[in-house]
Amino acid sequence: MSLITVNNTQLNNITSFSCSWNDLDSENTGRSEGTGVLTRERIRANVHQIDINFDMITDNELAMLQSLFSPESVSVSFWIGKDVTATMYAAGGSCDWISQPDGTCYWNFKITLTEF
């Protein structure tokens, strides 16, 4: 079992992975100025966001990952105690260049995916 699959591509070189989920509330959600009581109008529950980290990857691996996450949307399956499959988009990412004492260079790459 792969922890994460993106568009049917298994990601096997993951260093770390975290998942959070939030509810989406309507514009009518808010607190009363007079009483401070919350009026909540939830539109959708459990919208997932995942952060995936890849450490010490090569130029070719970085290019492959950037290409994999570049479409407007991707189908992502991941394990959080149960299988979850969601349509997601790349909400942001970053990469750091790492030079080793022996002269070799690698990348640390992080991507954040948010459920549609």
Protein backbone atom coordinates (compact mmCIF):
# COMPACT_ATOMS: atom_id res chain seq x y z
CA MET A 1 0.00 0.00 0.00
CA SER A 2 1.26 3.45 -0.89
CA LEU A 3 0.53 6.19 1.64
CA ILE A 4 -0.32 8.64 -1.15
CA THR A 5 -1.25 8.21 -4.82
CA VAL A 6 -1.61 11.19 -7.17
CA ASN A 7 -3.31 10.61 -10.54
CA ASN A 8 -2.51 6.88 -10.20
CA THR A 9 1.19 7.58 -9.47
CA GLN A 10 2.38 6.13 -6.15
CA LEU A 11 4.57 8.46 -4.12
CA ASN A 12 7.11 6.22 -2.45
CA ASN A 13 9.84 8.68 -1.46
CA ILE A 14 7.83 10.77 1.02
CA THR A 15 9.77 12.04 4.05
CA SER A 16 6.73 13.27 5.98
CA PHE A 17 3.02 13.81 5.53
CA SER A 18 0.40 15.66 7.56
CA CYS A 19 -3.33 16.05 7.09
CA SER A 20 -5.79 18.55 8.48
CA TRP A 21 -9.47 19.07 7.80
CA ASN A 22 -11.79 22.00 8.30
CA ASP A 23 -15.40 22.96 7.82
CA LEU A 24 -16.51 25.65 5.40
CA ASP A 25 -19.04 28.11 6.75
CA SER A 26 -21.30 30.49 4.83
CA GLU A 27 -20.98 34.25 4.91
CA ASN A 28 -23.95 34.21 7.33
CA THR A 29 -21.81 32.62 10.05
CA GLY A 30 -20.73 35.01 12.78
CA ARG A 31 -21.17 36.22 16.31
CA SER A 32 -23.89 38.58 17.46
CA GLU A 33 -22.46 41.90 18.58
CA GLY A 34 -25.02 42.14 21.36
CA THR A 35 -24.72 38.69 22.93
CA GLY A 36 -21.58 37.20 21.42
CA VAL A 37 -23.55 34.06 20.55
CA LEU A 38 -22.35 32.24 17.45
CA THR A 39 -24.75 31.66 14.60
CA ARG A 40 -23.24 29.00 12.37
CA GLU A 41 -24.26 27.97 8.89
CA ARG A 42 -21.95 25.16 7.84
CA ILE A 43 -21.80 24.57 4.08
CA ARG A 44 -19.42 21.61 4.05
CA ALA A 45 -17.61 19.46 6.62
CA ASN A 46 -14.16 17.85 6.61
CA VAL A 47 -12.43 19.58 3.71
CA HIS A 48 -8.95 18.02 3.67
CA GLN A 49 -5.61 19.73 3.29
CA ILE A 50 -2.39 17.73 3.15
CA ASP A 51 1.27 18.71 3.36
CA ILE A 52 3.78 16.36 1.77
CA ASN A 53 7.55 16.64 2.21
CA PHE A 54 10.26 15.04 0.10
CA ASP A 55 13.84 15.40 1.34
CA MET A 56 17.11 14.77 -0.45
CA ILE A 57 15.63 14.37 -3.93
CA THR A 58 17.46 14.81 -7.23
CA ASP A 59 16.87 17.37 -9.97
CA ASN A 60 14.98 14.73 -11.97
CA GLU A 61 12.78 13.76 -9.02
CA LEU A 62 12.01 17.44 -8.34
CA ALA A 63 11.04 18.00 -11.98
CA MET A 64 8.82 14.89 -11.94
CA LEU A 65 7.04 16.02 -8.75
CA GLN A 66 6.54 19.58 -10.02
CA SER A 67 5.05 18.18 -13.22
CA LEU A 68 2.82 15.76 -11.28
CA PHE A 69 1.31 18.57 -9.19
CA SER A 70 1.06 21.18 -11.98
CA PRO A 71 -2.45 20.42 -13.36
CA GLU A 72 -5.37 22.54 -12.20
CA SER A 73 -6.67 19.53 -10.26
CA VAL A 74 -5.34 16.11 -9.30
CA SER A 75 -6.97 12.97 -7.94
CA VAL A 76 -5.34 12.10 -4.62
CA SER A 77 -5.78 8.96 -2.53
CA PHE A 78 -4.25 8.89 0.92
CA TRP A 79 -4.40 6.95 4.18
CA ILE A 80 -5.41 8.59 7.48
CA GLY A 81 -6.62 5.51 9.33
CA LYS A 82 -8.95 4.98 6.41
CA ASP A 83 -8.68 5.43 2.66
CA VAL A 84 -9.61 8.91 1.42
CA THR A 85 -9.85 9.90 -2.25
CA ALA A 86 -10.32 13.57 -3.13
CA THR A 87 -9.97 15.98 -6.00
CA MET A 88 -7.34 18.49 -4.89
CA TYR A 89 -5.25 21.39 -6.13
CA ALA A 90 -1.73 22.52 -5.31
CA ALA A 91 -2.29 25.41 -2.91
CA GLY A 92 1.42 26.16 -2.60
CA GLY A 93 4.84 24.64 -2.48
CA SER A 94 8.50 25.34 -1.90
CA CYS A 95 11.89 23.79 -2.48
CA ASP A 96 15.24 24.23 -0.81
CA TRP A 97 18.58 23.44 -2.42
CA ILE A 98 20.91 21.43 -0.17
CA SER A 99 24.63 21.07 -0.82
CA GLN A 100 26.46 18.13 0.75
CA PRO A 101 30.09 18.22 1.95
CA ASP A 102 31.06 15.83 -0.85
CA GLY A 103 29.78 18.32 -3.46
CA THR A 104 26.54 16.52 -4.34
CA CYS A 105 23.38 18.60 -4.29
CA TYR A 106 19.81 17.67 -3.47
CA TRP A 107 16.44 19.31 -3.02
CA ASN A 108 13.95 19.34 -0.18
CA PHE A 109 10.47 19.83 -1.66
CA LYS A 110 7.20 20.59 0.11
CA ILE A 111 3.74 20.75 -1.45
CA THR A 112 0.37 21.63 0.08
CA LEU A 113 -2.75 20.13 -1.51
CA THR A 114 -6.25 21.37 -0.72
CA GLU A 115 -9.48 19.56 -1.46
CA PHE A 116 -11.89 21.19 -3.92
